[in-house]
Amino acid sequence: MVAYVMGTVTITDGSWVEDYIPKVQAQVEAHGGRYIARNTEIEKLEGPAEVPTVAVIIEFPSLARAREWYHSAEYQPELRARQAGSVGNLILLDGL
């Protein structure tokens, strides 16, 4: 069953972004994933949360493959860079 990683990020220091995007896209694809959405133009429909700078949805073939990517050695430097230069949420869920 497919799985999705959904993220909302507010960038506080954009120095990491230029390197992050191509590296992480290649890593995601190497783990069988693909971006469904990655956008900076976000329309808030409801709720108390602030509108983030970026929202992403990544589809993986399974929860296991998504976890492999997230915990992989090659992603850890990008993860640390993202966390140092932004605040946000990343969640993993099963698809239908």
C-alpha atoms as a PDB file:
ATOM      1  CA  MET A   1       0.000   0.000   0.000  1.00  0.00           C
ATOM      2  CA  VAL A   2       1.320   3.459  -0.835  1.00  0.00           C
ATOM      3  CA  ALA A   3       2.344   5.863   1.894  1.00  0.00           C
ATOM      4  CA  TYR A   4       2.634   9.623   2.005  1.00  0.00           C
ATOM      5  CA  VAL A   5       5.021  11.992   3.688  1.00  0.00           C
ATOM      6  CA  MET A   6       3.347  15.359   4.163  1.00  0.00           C
ATOM      7  CA  GLY A   7       5.316  18.365   5.279  1.00  0.00           C
ATOM      8  CA  THR A   8       4.714  21.995   6.053  1.00  0.00           C
ATOM      9  CA  VAL A   9       7.761  24.171   6.601  1.00  0.00           C
ATOM     10  CA  THR A  10       8.316  27.796   7.488  1.00  0.00           C
ATOM     11  CA  ILE A  11      11.799  28.820   6.415  1.00  0.00           C
ATOM     12  CA  THR A  12      13.727  30.881   8.965  1.00  0.00           C
ATOM     13  CA  ASP A  13      17.113  30.819   7.166  1.00  0.00           C
ATOM     14  CA  GLY A  14      17.031  29.944   3.465  1.00  0.00           C
ATOM     15  CA  SER A  15      20.738  29.173   3.060  1.00  0.00           C
ATOM     16  CA  TRP A  16      20.065  25.412   2.933  1.00  0.00           C
ATOM     17  CA  VAL A  17      17.299  25.411   0.310  1.00  0.00           C
ATOM     18  CA  GLU A  18      19.324  25.598  -2.935  1.00  0.00           C
ATOM     19  CA  ASP A  19      21.359  22.470  -2.115  1.00  0.00           C
ATOM     20  CA  TYR A  20      18.511  20.655  -0.366  1.00  0.00           C
ATOM     21  CA  ILE A  21      15.984  20.475  -3.203  1.00  0.00           C
ATOM     22  CA  PRO A  22      17.996  18.584  -5.864  1.00  0.00           C
ATOM     23  CA  LYS A  23      19.757  16.339  -3.336  1.00  0.00           C
ATOM     24  CA  VAL A  24      16.554  15.331  -1.568  1.00  0.00           C
ATOM     25  CA  GLN A  25      14.608  14.853  -4.783  1.00  0.00           C
ATOM     26  CA  ALA A  26      17.275  12.379  -5.967  1.00  0.00           C
ATOM     27  CA  GLN A  27      17.229  10.609  -2.592  1.00  0.00           C
ATOM     28  CA  VAL A  28      13.438  10.372  -2.596  1.00  0.00           C
ATOM     29  CA  GLU A  29      13.466   8.909  -6.110  1.00  0.00           C
ATOM     30  CA  ALA A  30      16.194   6.416  -5.143  1.00  0.00           C
ATOM     31  CA  HIS A  31      13.832   5.125  -2.442  1.00  0.00           C
ATOM     32  CA  GLY A  32      10.937   4.754  -4.876  1.00  0.00           C
ATOM     33  CA  GLY A  33       9.243   8.015  -3.959  1.00  0.00           C
ATOM     34  CA  ARG A  34       7.862  10.832  -6.048  1.00  0.00           C
ATOM     35  CA  TYR A  35       6.670  14.322  -5.280  1.00  0.00           C
ATOM     36  CA  ILE A  36       2.913  14.754  -5.606  1.00  0.00           C
ATOM     37  CA  ALA A  37       3.051  18.411  -4.558  1.00  0.00           C
ATOM     38  CA  ARG A  38       5.780  20.888  -3.624  1.00  0.00           C
ATOM     39  CA  ASN A  39       4.584  24.442  -3.563  1.00  0.00           C
ATOM     40  CA  THR A  40       5.141  27.844  -2.010  1.00  0.00           C
ATOM     41  CA  GLU A  41       1.760  29.229  -3.041  1.00  0.00           C
ATOM     42  CA  ILE A  42      -0.540  27.965  -0.313  1.00  0.00           C
ATOM     43  CA  GLU A  43      -4.123  28.999   0.278  1.00  0.00           C
ATOM     44  CA  LYS A  44      -5.384  28.634   3.829  1.00  0.00           C
ATOM     45  CA  LEU A  45      -8.957  27.402   3.955  1.00  0.00           C
ATOM     46  CA  GLU A  46      -9.390  27.043   7.726  1.00  0.00           C
ATOM     47  CA  GLY A  47      -7.751  26.420  11.071  1.00  0.00           C
ATOM     48  CA  PRO A  48      -5.526  28.301  13.507  1.00  0.00           C
ATOM     49  CA  ALA A  49      -2.134  27.323  12.034  1.00  0.00           C
ATOM     50  CA  GLU A  50      -0.061  29.943  10.236  1.00  0.00           C
ATOM     51  CA  VAL A  51       0.434  29.474   6.491  1.00  0.00           C
ATOM     52  CA  PRO A  52       3.823  27.792   5.968  1.00  0.00           C
ATOM     53  CA  THR A  53       6.449  28.866   3.450  1.00  0.00           C
ATOM     54  CA  VAL A  54       6.410  25.474   1.702  1.00  0.00           C
ATOM     55  CA  ALA A  55       4.130  22.427   1.666  1.00  0.00           C
ATOM     56  CA  VAL A  56       5.080  19.037   0.207  1.00  0.00           C
ATOM     57  CA  ILE A  57       3.430  15.682  -0.362  1.00  0.00           C
ATOM     58  CA  ILE A  58       5.670  12.768  -1.310  1.00  0.00           C
ATOM     59  CA  GLU A  59       4.292   9.366  -2.305  1.00  0.00           C
ATOM     60  CA  PHE A  60       6.272   6.204  -1.519  1.00  0.00           C
ATOM     61  CA  PRO A  61       5.458   2.596  -2.439  1.00  0.00           C
ATOM     62  CA  SER A  62       5.114   1.720   1.275  1.00  0.00           C
ATOM     63  CA  LEU A  63       5.590   2.967   4.818  1.00  0.00           C
ATOM     64  CA  ALA A  64       8.808   0.948   4.969  1.00  0.00           C
ATOM     65  CA  ARG A  65      10.295   2.696   1.907  1.00  0.00           C
ATOM     66  CA  ALA A  66       9.359   6.119   3.303  1.00  0.00           C
ATOM     67  CA  ARG A  67      11.022   5.274   6.609  1.00  0.00           C
ATOM     68  CA  GLU A  68      14.113   3.973   4.763  1.00  0.00           C
ATOM     69  CA  TRP A  69      14.452   7.344   3.042  1.00  0.00           C
ATOM     70  CA  TYR A  70      13.848   9.415   6.178  1.00  0.00           C
ATOM     71  CA  HIS A  71      16.314   7.425   8.290  1.00  0.00           C
ATOM     72  CA  SER A  72      18.901   6.902   5.522  1.00  0.00           C
ATOM     73  CA  ALA A  73      22.469   8.051   6.095  1.00  0.00           C
ATOM     74  CA  GLU A  74      22.393  10.160   2.920  1.00  0.00           C
ATOM     75  CA  TYR A  75      19.343  12.154   4.088  1.00  0.00           C
ATOM     76  CA  GLN A  76      20.648  12.977   7.574  1.00  0.00           C
ATOM     77  CA  PRO A  77      22.802  15.995   6.545  1.00  0.00           C
ATOM     78  CA  GLU A  78      19.850  17.459   4.621  1.00  0.00           C
ATOM     79  CA  LEU A  79      17.507  16.747   7.527  1.00  0.00           C
ATOM     80  CA  ARG A  80      19.803  18.608   9.924  1.00  0.00           C
ATOM     81  CA  ALA A  81      20.133  21.527   7.486  1.00  0.00           C
ATOM     82  CA  ARG A  82      16.351  21.761   7.077  1.00  0.00           C
ATOM     83  CA  GLN A  83      15.749  21.595  10.806  1.00  0.00           C
ATOM     84  CA  ALA A  84      18.401  24.259  11.476  1.00  0.00           C
ATOM     85  CA  GLY A  85      16.896  26.663   8.926  1.00  0.00           C
ATOM     86  CA  SER A  86      13.170  26.106   9.360  1.00  0.00           C
ATOM     87  CA  VAL A  87      10.349  25.060  11.623  1.00  0.00           C
ATOM     88  CA  GLY A  88       7.567  22.754  10.586  1.00  0.00           C
ATOM     89  CA  ASN A  89       5.923  19.388  10.625  1.00  0.00           C
ATOM     90  CA  LEU A  90       6.548  16.168   8.720  1.00  0.00           C
ATOM     91  CA  ILE A  91       4.073  13.307   9.029  1.00  0.00           C
ATOM     92  CA  LEU A  92       3.888   9.820   7.549  1.00  0.00           C
ATOM     93  CA  LEU A  93       0.617   8.097   6.755  1.00  0.00           C
ATOM     94  CA  ASP A  94      -0.782   5.127   4.863  1.00  0.00           C
ATOM     95  CA  GLY A  95      -2.589   5.781   1.617  1.00  0.00           C
ATOM     96  CA  LEU A  96      -5.885   4.230   0.595  1.00  0.00           C
END
